[in-house]
PDB file of N, CA and C in Angstrom:
ATOM      1  N   MET A   1      -5.965  34.116 -13.761  1.00  0.00           N
ATOM      2  CA  MET A   1      -7.224  32.395 -13.560  1.00  0.00           C
ATOM      3  C   MET A   1      -7.430  32.519 -12.072  1.00  0.00           C
ATOM      4  N   PRO A   2      -8.484  32.450 -11.584  1.00  0.00           N
ATOM      5  CA  PRO A   2      -9.058  31.836 -10.438  1.00  0.00           C
ATOM      6  C   PRO A   2      -8.959  30.546 -10.033  1.00  0.00           C
ATOM      7  N   PHE A   3      -8.824  30.247  -8.590  1.00  0.00           N
ATOM      8  CA  PHE A   3      -8.505  29.202  -8.010  1.00  0.00           C
ATOM      9  C   PHE A   3      -9.551  28.301  -8.312  1.00  0.00           C
ATOM     10  N   LYS A   4      -9.699  26.852  -8.111  1.00  0.00           N
ATOM     11  CA  LYS A   4     -10.233  26.153  -8.130  1.00  0.00           C
ATOM     12  C   LYS A   4     -10.795  25.207  -6.889  1.00  0.00           C
ATOM     13  N   SER A   5     -11.554  25.200  -6.419  1.00  0.00           N
ATOM     14  CA  SER A   5     -12.169  24.665  -4.993  1.00  0.00           C
ATOM     15  C   SER A   5     -12.467  23.564  -4.905  1.00  0.00           C
ATOM     16  N   ILE A   6     -11.762  23.163  -3.994  1.00  0.00           N
ATOM     17  CA  ILE A   6     -11.707  21.433  -3.997  1.00  0.00           C
ATOM     18  C   ILE A   6     -11.671  21.095  -2.684  1.00  0.00           C
ATOM     19  N   ASP A   7     -12.475  20.246  -2.262  1.00  0.00           N
ATOM     20  CA  ASP A   7     -12.998  19.538  -1.186  1.00  0.00           C
ATOM     21  C   ASP A   7     -11.819  18.258  -0.469  1.00  0.00           C
ATOM     22  N   VAL A   8     -11.179  18.716  -0.030  1.00  0.00           N
ATOM     23  CA  VAL A   8      -9.726  17.852   0.145  1.00  0.00           C
ATOM     24  C   VAL A   8     -10.175  16.109   0.713  1.00  0.00           C
ATOM     25  N   ASP A   9     -11.419  16.625   1.922  1.00  0.00           N
ATOM     26  CA  ASP A   9     -11.746  15.459   2.457  1.00  0.00           C
ATOM     27  C   ASP A   9     -12.178  14.361   1.693  1.00  0.00           C
ATOM     28  N   LYS A  10     -13.061  14.935   0.665  1.00  0.00           N
ATOM     29  CA  LYS A  10     -14.152  14.217  -0.050  1.00  0.00           C
ATOM     30  C   LYS A  10     -12.808  13.157  -1.298  1.00  0.00           C
ATOM     31  N   LEU A  11     -12.344  14.226  -1.477  1.00  0.00           N
ATOM     32  CA  LEU A  11     -11.025  13.480  -2.830  1.00  0.00           C
ATOM     33  C   LEU A  11     -10.177  12.455  -2.064  1.00  0.00           C
ATOM     34  N   ILE A  12      -9.892  12.963  -0.539  1.00  0.00           N
ATOM     35  CA  ILE A  12      -9.219  11.433   0.136  1.00  0.00           C
ATOM     36  C   ILE A  12     -10.148  10.702   0.312  1.00  0.00           C
ATOM     37  N   GLN A  13     -11.444  10.469   1.026  1.00  0.00           N
ATOM     38  CA  GLN A  13     -12.148   9.527   0.999  1.00  0.00           C
ATOM     39  C   GLN A  13     -12.204   8.962  -0.500  1.00  0.00           C
ATOM     40  N   GLU A  14     -12.229   9.532  -1.566  1.00  0.00           N
ATOM     41  CA  GLU A  14     -12.446   8.762  -2.525  1.00  0.00           C
ATOM     42  C   GLU A  14     -11.684   7.698  -3.372  1.00  0.00           C
ATOM     43  N   LYS A  15     -10.193   8.334  -3.138  1.00  0.00           N
ATOM     44  CA  LYS A  15      -9.268   7.433  -3.190  1.00  0.00           C
ATOM     45  C   LYS A  15      -8.932   6.482  -2.398  1.00  0.00           C
ATOM     46  N   LEU A  16      -9.045   6.504  -1.065  1.00  0.00           N
ATOM     47  CA  LEU A  16      -9.342   5.626  -0.157  1.00  0.00           C
ATOM     48  C   LEU A  16      -9.952   4.573  -0.489  1.00  0.00           C
ATOM     49  N   ASP A  17     -11.313   4.871  -0.886  1.00  0.00           N
ATOM     50  CA  ASP A  17     -12.640   3.766  -1.104  1.00  0.00           C
ATOM     51  C   ASP A  17     -12.073   3.006  -2.370  1.00  0.00           C
ATOM     52  N   ALA A  18     -11.580   3.413  -3.627  1.00  0.00           N
ATOM     53  CA  ALA A  18     -10.823   3.099  -4.426  1.00  0.00           C
ATOM     54  C   ALA A  18      -9.443   2.147  -4.335  1.00  0.00           C
ATOM     55  N   ASP A  19      -9.064   2.312  -3.104  1.00  0.00           N
ATOM     56  CA  ASP A  19      -7.514   1.771  -2.994  1.00  0.00           C
ATOM     57  C   ASP A  19      -7.574   0.924  -1.544  1.00  0.00           C
ATOM     58  N   GLN A  20      -7.720  -0.193  -1.256  1.00  0.00           N
ATOM     59  CA  GLN A  20      -7.740  -0.927   0.063  1.00  0.00           C
ATOM     60  C   GLN A  20      -6.402  -0.999   0.556  1.00  0.00           C
ATOM     61  N   GLU A  21      -5.519  -0.764  -0.553  1.00  0.00           N
ATOM     62  CA  GLU A  21      -4.001  -1.416   0.067  1.00  0.00           C
ATOM     63  C   GLU A  21      -3.762   0.062   0.447  1.00  0.00           C
ATOM     64  N   LEU A  22      -4.494   1.392  -0.159  1.00  0.00           N
ATOM     65  CA  LEU A  22      -3.676   2.640   0.279  1.00  0.00           C
ATOM     66  C   LEU A  22      -4.494   2.815   1.383  1.00  0.00           C
ATOM     67  N   LYS A  23      -6.062   2.439   1.862  1.00  0.00           N
ATOM     68  CA  LYS A  23      -6.856   2.682   2.608  1.00  0.00           C
ATOM     69  C   LYS A  23      -5.557   1.955   4.237  1.00  0.00           C
ATOM     70  N   GLU A  24      -5.785   0.761   3.923  1.00  0.00           N
ATOM     71  CA  GLU A  24      -4.736   0.455   5.015  1.00  0.00           C
ATOM     72  C   GLU A  24      -3.593   1.101   5.568  1.00  0.00           C
ATOM     73  N   LEU A  25      -2.527   1.445   4.164  1.00  0.00           N
ATOM     74  CA  LEU A  25      -1.569   2.389   4.726  1.00  0.00           C
ATOM     75  C   LEU A  25      -2.342   3.771   5.557  1.00  0.00           C
ATOM     76  N   TRP A  26      -3.140   4.371   5.266  1.00  0.00           N
ATOM     77  CA  TRP A  26      -3.486   5.650   5.383  1.00  0.00           C
ATOM     78  C   TRP A  26      -3.978   5.483   6.953  1.00  0.00           C
ATOM     79  N   ASP A  27      -4.699   4.249   7.111  1.00  0.00           N
ATOM     80  CA  ASP A  27      -5.101   4.091   8.473  1.00  0.00           C
ATOM     81  C   ASP A  27      -4.108   3.839   9.528  1.00  0.00           C
ATOM     82  N   SER A  28      -3.401   3.439   9.428  1.00  0.00           N
ATOM     83  CA  SER A  28      -2.172   2.809   9.969  1.00  0.00           C
ATOM     84  C   SER A  28      -1.374   4.032  10.085  1.00  0.00           C
ATOM     85  N   SER A  29      -0.968   4.726   9.388  1.00  0.00           N
ATOM     86  CA  SER A  29      -0.267   5.845   9.487  1.00  0.00           C
ATOM     87  C   SER A  29      -0.951   6.855  10.255  1.00  0.00           C
ATOM     88  N   ARG A  30      -2.481   7.021  10.276  1.00  0.00           N
ATOM     89  CA  ARG A  30      -2.778   8.118  11.067  1.00  0.00           C
ATOM     90  C   ARG A  30      -2.647   8.084  12.055  1.00  0.00           C
ATOM     91  N   THR A  31      -2.864   6.739  13.145  1.00  0.00           N
ATOM     92  CA  THR A  31      -2.578   6.153  14.192  1.00  0.00           C
ATOM     93  C   THR A  31      -0.952   6.577  14.669  1.00  0.00           C
ATOM     94  N   GLU A  32       0.116   6.978  14.090  1.00  0.00           N
ATOM     95  CA  GLU A  32       1.235   7.158  14.527  1.00  0.00           C
ATOM     96  C   GLU A  32       1.314   8.339  14.531  1.00  0.00           C
ATOM     97  N   TYR A  33       0.804   9.226  13.305  1.00  0.00           N
ATOM     98  CA  TYR A  33       0.468  10.579  13.322  1.00  0.00           C
ATOM     99  C   TYR A  33      -0.256  11.416  14.506  1.00  0.00           C
ATOM    100  N   ARG A  34      -1.251  11.012  14.843  1.00  0.00           N
ATOM    101  CA  ARG A  34      -2.052  11.452  15.717  1.00  0.00           C
ATOM    102  C   ARG A  34      -1.183  11.047  17.230  1.00  0.00           C
ATOM    103  N   LEU A  35      -0.779   9.681  17.595  1.00  0.00           N
ATOM    104  CA  LEU A  35       0.200   9.738  18.954  1.00  0.00           C
ATOM    105  C   LEU A  35       1.264  10.243  18.937  1.00  0.00           C
ATOM    106  N   LEU A  36       2.173  10.754  17.931  1.00  0.00           N
ATOM    107  CA  LEU A  36       3.279  11.617  18.079  1.00  0.00           C
ATOM    108  C   LEU A  36       3.271  13.257  18.052  1.00  0.00           C
ATOM    109  N   GLY A  37       1.490  13.562  17.416  1.00  0.00           N
ATOM    110  CA  GLY A  37       1.514  14.933  17.709  1.00  0.00           C
ATOM    111  C   GLY A  37       0.867  15.211  19.246  1.00  0.00           C
ATOM    112  N   GLU A  38       0.354  13.914  19.591  1.00  0.00           N
ATOM    113  CA  GLU A  38      -0.418  14.152  21.036  1.00  0.00           C
ATOM    114  C   GLU A  38       1.256  14.387  21.773  1.00  0.00           C
ATOM    115  N   LEU A  39       2.161  13.664  21.633  1.00  0.00           N
ATOM    116  CA  LEU A  39       3.352  13.910  22.720  1.00  0.00           C
ATOM    117  C   LEU A  39       4.256  15.097  22.388  1.00  0.00           C
ATOM    118  N   ILE A  40       4.157  15.721  20.865  1.00  0.00           N
ATOM    119  CA  ILE A  40       4.840  17.161  20.488  1.00  0.00           C
ATOM    120  C   ILE A  40       4.096  18.150  21.829  1.00  0.00           C
ATOM    121  N   THR A  41       2.597  17.829  21.391  1.00  0.00           N
ATOM    122  CA  THR A  41       1.425  18.861  21.904  1.00  0.00           C
ATOM    123  C   THR A  41       1.941  18.771  23.426  1.00  0.00           C
ATOM    124  N   LEU A  42       1.894  17.787  24.399  1.00  0.00           N
ATOM    125  CA  LEU A  42       2.320  17.566  25.671  1.00  0.00           C
ATOM    126  C   LEU A  42       3.561  18.151  25.833  1.00  0.00           C
ATOM    127  N   ARG A  43       4.809  18.074  25.066  1.00  0.00           N
ATOM    128  CA  ARG A  43       5.883  18.581  25.912  1.00  0.00           C
ATOM    129  C   ARG A  43       5.641  19.906  25.352  1.00  0.00           C
ATOM    130  N   LYS A  44       5.431  20.818  24.544  1.00  0.00           N
ATOM    131  CA  LYS A  44       4.753  22.186  24.393  1.00  0.00           C
ATOM    132  C   LYS A  44       4.098  23.117  25.348  1.00  0.00           C
ATOM    133  N   ALA A  45       3.181  21.629  26.091  1.00  0.00           N
ATOM    134  CA  ALA A  45       1.997  22.597  26.943  1.00  0.00           C
ATOM    135  C   ALA A  45       3.166  22.447  28.251  1.00  0.00           C
ATOM    136  N   ARG A  46       3.610  21.677  28.431  1.00  0.00           N
ATOM    137  CA  ARG A  46       4.663  21.930  29.735  1.00  0.00           C
ATOM    138  C   ARG A  46       5.879  22.537  29.968  1.00  0.00           C
ATOM    139  N   GLY A  47       5.839  23.262  28.892  1.00  0.00           N
ATOM    140  CA  GLY A  47       7.133  24.333  28.237  1.00  0.00           C
ATOM    141  C   GLY A  47       8.168  23.648  28.301  1.00  0.00           C
ATOM    142  N   MET A  48       8.693  22.722  27.642  1.00  0.00           N
ATOM    143  CA  MET A  48       9.414  21.679  27.674  1.00  0.00           C
ATOM    144  C   MET A  48      10.064  22.021  25.939  1.00  0.00           C
ATOM    145  N   SER A  49      11.462  21.975  26.219  1.00  0.00           N
ATOM    146  CA  SER A  49      12.107  21.820  24.811  1.00  0.00           C
ATOM    147  C   SER A  49      12.212  20.693  24.412  1.00  0.00           C
ATOM    148  N   GLN A  50      12.952  20.194  23.304  1.00  0.00           N
ATOM    149  CA  GLN A  50      13.164  19.188  22.844  1.00  0.00           C
ATOM    150  C   GLN A  50      14.651  18.962  23.718  1.00  0.00           C
ATOM    151  N   VAL A  51      15.599  19.939  24.015  1.00  0.00           N
ATOM    152  CA  VAL A  51      16.647  19.496  24.517  1.00  0.00           C
ATOM    153  C   VAL A  51      16.489  18.910  25.433  1.00  0.00           C
ATOM    154  N   GLU A  52      15.293  19.498  26.729  1.00  0.00           N
ATOM    155  CA  GLU A  52      14.736  19.344  27.834  1.00  0.00           C
ATOM    156  C   GLU A  52      14.173  18.018  27.848  1.00  0.00           C
ATOM    157  N   LEU A  53      13.709  17.148  27.046  1.00  0.00           N
ATOM    158  CA  LEU A  53      12.834  16.253  27.006  1.00  0.00           C
ATOM    159  C   LEU A  53      14.110  15.041  26.795  1.00  0.00           C
ATOM    160  N   ALA A  54      14.891  15.503  26.010  1.00  0.00           N
ATOM    161  CA  ALA A  54      15.913  14.882  25.314  1.00  0.00           C
ATOM    162  C   ALA A  54      16.922  14.070  26.513  1.00  0.00           C
ATOM    163  N   GLN A  55      17.073  15.274  27.817  1.00  0.00           N
ATOM    164  CA  GLN A  55      17.903  15.045  28.950  1.00  0.00           C
ATOM    165  C   GLN A  55      17.287  14.226  29.458  1.00  0.00           C
ATOM    166  N   LYS A  56      16.117  14.688  30.211  1.00  0.00           N
ATOM    167  CA  LYS A  56      15.260  14.064  31.285  1.00  0.00           C
ATOM    168  C   LYS A  56      15.303  12.311  30.666  1.00  0.00           C
ATOM    169  N   SER A  57      14.947  12.435  29.611  1.00  0.00           N
ATOM    170  CA  SER A  57      14.150  10.507  29.114  1.00  0.00           C
ATOM    171  C   SER A  57      15.399   9.988  28.912  1.00  0.00           C
ATOM    172  N   GLY A  58      17.147  10.534  28.618  1.00  0.00           N
ATOM    173  CA  GLY A  58      17.735  10.070  28.348  1.00  0.00           C
ATOM    174  C   GLY A  58      18.677   9.663  27.084  1.00  0.00           C
ATOM    175  N   HIS A  59      18.281  10.688  26.250  1.00  0.00           N
ATOM    176  CA  HIS A  59      18.068  10.370  24.812  1.00  0.00           C
ATOM    177  C   HIS A  59      18.553  11.903  24.268  1.00  0.00           C
ATOM    178  N   LYS A  60      19.329  11.567  22.912  1.00  0.00           N
ATOM    179  CA  LYS A  60      19.810  12.873  22.140  1.00  0.00           C
ATOM    180  C   LYS A  60      18.812  13.721  21.941  1.00  0.00           C
ATOM    181  N   GLN A  61      19.131  15.173  21.725  1.00  0.00           N
ATOM    182  CA  GLN A  61      18.058  15.952  20.830  1.00  0.00           C
ATOM    183  C   GLN A  61      17.077  15.594  19.695  1.00  0.00           C
ATOM    184  N   GLN A  62      18.761  15.305  19.086  1.00  0.00           N
ATOM    185  CA  GLN A  62      18.532  14.918  17.480  1.00  0.00           C
ATOM    186  C   GLN A  62      17.448  13.538  17.601  1.00  0.00           C
ATOM    187  N   VAL A  63      17.515  12.767  18.257  1.00  0.00           N
ATOM    188  CA  VAL A  63      16.449  11.655  18.542  1.00  0.00           C
ATOM    189  C   VAL A  63      15.395  11.883  18.499  1.00  0.00           C
ATOM    190  N   ILE A  64      15.083  13.103  19.654  1.00  0.00           N
ATOM    191  CA  ILE A  64      13.630  13.617  19.427  1.00  0.00           C
ATOM    192  C   ILE A  64      13.051  14.722  18.558  1.00  0.00           C
ATOM    193  N   SER A  65      14.064  15.338  17.772  1.00  0.00           N
ATOM    194  CA  SER A  65      13.913  15.433  16.515  1.00  0.00           C
ATOM    195  C   SER A  65      13.400  14.940  15.378  1.00  0.00           C
ATOM    196  N   ARG A  66      14.123  14.038  15.375  1.00  0.00           N
ATOM    197  CA  ARG A  66      13.245  12.889  14.415  1.00  0.00           C
ATOM    198  C   ARG A  66      12.230  12.086  14.711  1.00  0.00           C
ATOM    199  N   ILE A  67      11.905  11.834  16.073  1.00  0.00           N
ATOM    200  CA  ILE A  67      10.647  11.441  16.162  1.00  0.00           C
ATOM    201  C   ILE A  67       9.529  12.215  16.007  1.00  0.00           C
ATOM    202  N   GLU A  68       9.858  13.558  16.378  1.00  0.00           N
ATOM    203  CA  GLU A  68       8.808  14.801  16.140  1.00  0.00           C
ATOM    204  C   GLU A  68       8.404  14.655  14.922  1.00  0.00           C
ATOM    205  N   ASN A  69       9.808  15.075  14.110  1.00  0.00           N
ATOM    206  CA  ASN A  69       9.573  15.051  12.595  1.00  0.00           C
ATOM    207  C   ASN A  69       9.261  13.752  11.690  1.00  0.00           C
ATOM    208  N   ARG A  70       8.577  12.756  11.906  1.00  0.00           N
ATOM    209  CA  ARG A  70       8.268  11.451  11.986  1.00  0.00           C
ATOM    210  C   ARG A  70       9.227  11.248  10.946  1.00  0.00           C
ATOM    211  N   GLU A  71      10.619  11.270  11.189  1.00  0.00           N
ATOM    212  CA  GLU A  71      11.886  10.655  10.476  1.00  0.00           C
ATOM    213  C   GLU A  71      12.149   9.510  10.803  1.00  0.00           C
ATOM    214  N   SER A  72      11.606   9.107  12.131  1.00  0.00           N
ATOM    215  CA  SER A  72      11.974   7.787  12.430  1.00  0.00           C
ATOM    216  C   SER A  72      11.096   7.524  13.696  1.00  0.00           C
ATOM    217  N   SER A  73      10.628   6.074  13.808  1.00  0.00           N
ATOM    218  CA  SER A  73       9.866   5.407  14.974  1.00  0.00           C
ATOM    219  C   SER A  73      10.643   5.377  16.094  1.00  0.00           C
ATOM    220  N   PRO A  74       9.899   5.841  17.499  1.00  0.00           N
ATOM    221  CA  PRO A  74      10.410   5.650  18.633  1.00  0.00           C
ATOM    222  C   PRO A  74      10.445   4.030  18.627  1.00  0.00           C
ATOM    223  N   THR A  75      11.270   3.486  19.429  1.00  0.00           N
ATOM    224  CA  THR A  75      10.425   1.972  20.026  1.00  0.00           C
ATOM    225  C   THR A  75       9.726   2.102  21.555  1.00  0.00           C
ATOM    226  N   LEU A  76       9.277   1.239  21.598  1.00  0.00           N
ATOM    227  CA  LEU A  76       7.942   1.433  22.752  1.00  0.00           C
ATOM    228  C   LEU A  76       9.094   1.481  24.008  1.00  0.00           C
ATOM    229  N   LYS A  77      10.458   1.074  24.134  1.00  0.00           N
ATOM    230  CA  LYS A  77      11.225   1.496  25.431  1.00  0.00           C
ATOM    231  C   LYS A  77      11.453   3.198  25.427  1.00  0.00           C
ATOM    232  N   THR A  78      11.530   3.917  24.364  1.00  0.00           N
ATOM    233  CA  THR A  78      11.902   5.248  24.123  1.00  0.00           C
ATOM    234  C   THR A  78      10.316   6.058  24.319  1.00  0.00           C
ATOM    235  N   LEU A  79       9.518   5.504  23.427  1.00  0.00           N
ATOM    236  CA  LEU A  79       7.870   5.655  23.805  1.00  0.00           C
ATOM    237  C   LEU A  79       7.858   5.758  25.802  1.00  0.00           C
ATOM    238  N   CYS A  80       7.934   4.916  25.966  1.00  0.00           N
ATOM    239  CA  CYS A  80       7.595   4.587  27.656  1.00  0.00           C
ATOM    240  C   CYS A  80       8.407   5.781  28.483  1.00  0.00           C
ATOM    241  N   ALA A  81       9.539   5.942  28.124  1.00  0.00           N
ATOM    242  CA  ALA A  81      10.557   7.088  28.568  1.00  0.00           C
ATOM    243  C   ALA A  81       9.950   8.407  28.388  1.00  0.00           C
ATOM    244  N   LEU A  82       9.718   8.843  27.098  1.00  0.00           N
ATOM    245  CA  LEU A  82       8.822  10.168  26.980  1.00  0.00           C
ATOM    246  C   LEU A  82       7.979  10.456  27.671  1.00  0.00           C
ATOM    247  N   ALA A  83       6.910   9.235  28.073  1.00  0.00           N
ATOM    248  CA  ALA A  83       5.691   9.538  28.494  1.00  0.00           C
ATOM    249  C   ALA A  83       5.978   9.592  29.921  1.00  0.00           C
ATOM    250  N   ASP A  84       6.852   8.712  30.467  1.00  0.00           N
ATOM    251  CA  ASP A  84       7.456   9.291  32.230  1.00  0.00           C
ATOM    252  C   ASP A  84       7.682  10.733  32.736  1.00  0.00           C
ATOM    253  N   VAL A  85       8.606  10.849  31.583  1.00  0.00           N
ATOM    254  CA  VAL A  85       8.963  12.378  31.613  1.00  0.00           C
ATOM    255  C   VAL A  85       8.223  13.442  31.068  1.00  0.00           C
ATOM    256  N   LEU A  86       6.731  13.186  29.863  1.00  0.00           N
ATOM    257  CA  LEU A  86       5.684  13.961  30.373  1.00  0.00           C
ATOM    258  C   LEU A  86       4.632  13.700  31.326  1.00  0.00           C
ATOM    259  N   ASP A  87       4.797  12.491  32.126  1.00  0.00           N
ATOM    260  CA  ASP A  87       3.962  12.306  33.374  1.00  0.00           C
ATOM    261  C   ASP A  87       2.270  12.183  32.756  1.00  0.00           C
ATOM    262  N   VAL A  88       2.678  10.945  31.795  1.00  0.00           N
ATOM    263  CA  VAL A  88       1.105  10.603  31.130  1.00  0.00           C
ATOM    264  C   VAL A  88       1.652   8.852  31.182  1.00  0.00           C
ATOM    265  N   ASP A  89       0.669   8.597  30.769  1.00  0.00           N
ATOM    266  CA  ASP A  89      -0.113   6.756  30.852  1.00  0.00           C
ATOM    267  C   ASP A  89       0.092   6.717  29.299  1.00  0.00           C
ATOM    268  N   ILE A  90       0.192   5.356  28.858  1.00  0.00           N
ATOM    269  CA  ILE A  90       0.134   4.981  27.782  1.00  0.00           C
ATOM    270  C   ILE A  90      -0.714   3.836  27.833  1.00  0.00           C
ATOM    271  N   GLN A  91      -2.135   3.977  26.965  1.00  0.00           N
ATOM    272  CA  GLN A  91      -2.929   2.845  27.394  1.00  0.00           C
ATOM    273  C   GLN A  91      -3.504   2.590  26.158  1.00  0.00           C
ATOM    274  N   ILE A  92      -4.084   1.282  25.872  1.00  0.00           N
ATOM    275  CA  ILE A  92      -4.705   1.079  24.579  1.00  0.00           C
ATOM    276  C   ILE A  92      -6.121   0.772  24.873  1.00  0.00           C
ATOM    277  N   VAL A  93      -7.047   1.435  23.946  1.00  0.00           N
ATOM    278  CA  VAL A  93      -8.576   1.817  24.475  1.00  0.00           C
ATOM    279  C   VAL A  93      -8.945   1.095  23.032  1.00  0.00           C
ATOM    280  N   PRO A  94     -10.711   0.920  22.784  1.00  0.00           N
ATOM    281  CA  PRO A  94     -11.373   0.287  21.871  1.00  0.00           C
ATOM    282  C   PRO A  94     -11.496   2.040  21.045  1.00  0.00           C
ATOM    283  N   ARG A  95     -11.429   1.690  19.718  1.00  0.00           N
ATOM    284  CA  ARG A  95     -11.902   2.935  19.245  1.00  0.00           C
ATOM    285  C   ARG A  95     -13.191   2.851  19.250  1.00  0.00           C
ATOM    286  N   HIS A  96     -13.555   4.227  18.771  1.00  0.00           N
ATOM    287  CA  HIS A  96     -15.106   4.688  18.788  1.00  0.00           C
ATOM    288  C   HIS A  96     -15.380   4.601  17.021  1.00  0.00           C
ATOM    289  N   GLU A  97     -16.515   4.010  16.600  1.00  0.00           N
ATOM    290  CA  GLU A  97     -16.825   4.132  15.586  1.00  0.00           C
ATOM    291  C   GLU A  97     -17.598   5.566  15.027  1.00  0.00           C
TER     292      GLU A  97
END
C-alpha cells in the first residue's frame, strides 16, 4: 500500500482556522516551545550539559530535564537564573506579522 502524501502545515492551518480555542492554545504554546528550544540550543552551543547548567544555576539536573522536556514550566526566577548562566538577556519585543 503506497503512502498518502499529506501537507501537514495545510492540515494544521485548516484545523486552526476552524477552531478558535485551538488556535489560541496553539499560539500560546508556540511561544513557550520556541523559548525552551532556544534555551536548549544555547546550552548545547556552549558545550554545557544539563548537570553543568543545573549546578551553575543552583538547580537540580532533574529540574533542567523537566523544563527541556516540557514537563514543567520554569518560574520567572528560574528562567532568569538560566539566562544568567547562559550569558543572555531576556527581552520582550514586538512580533512581526
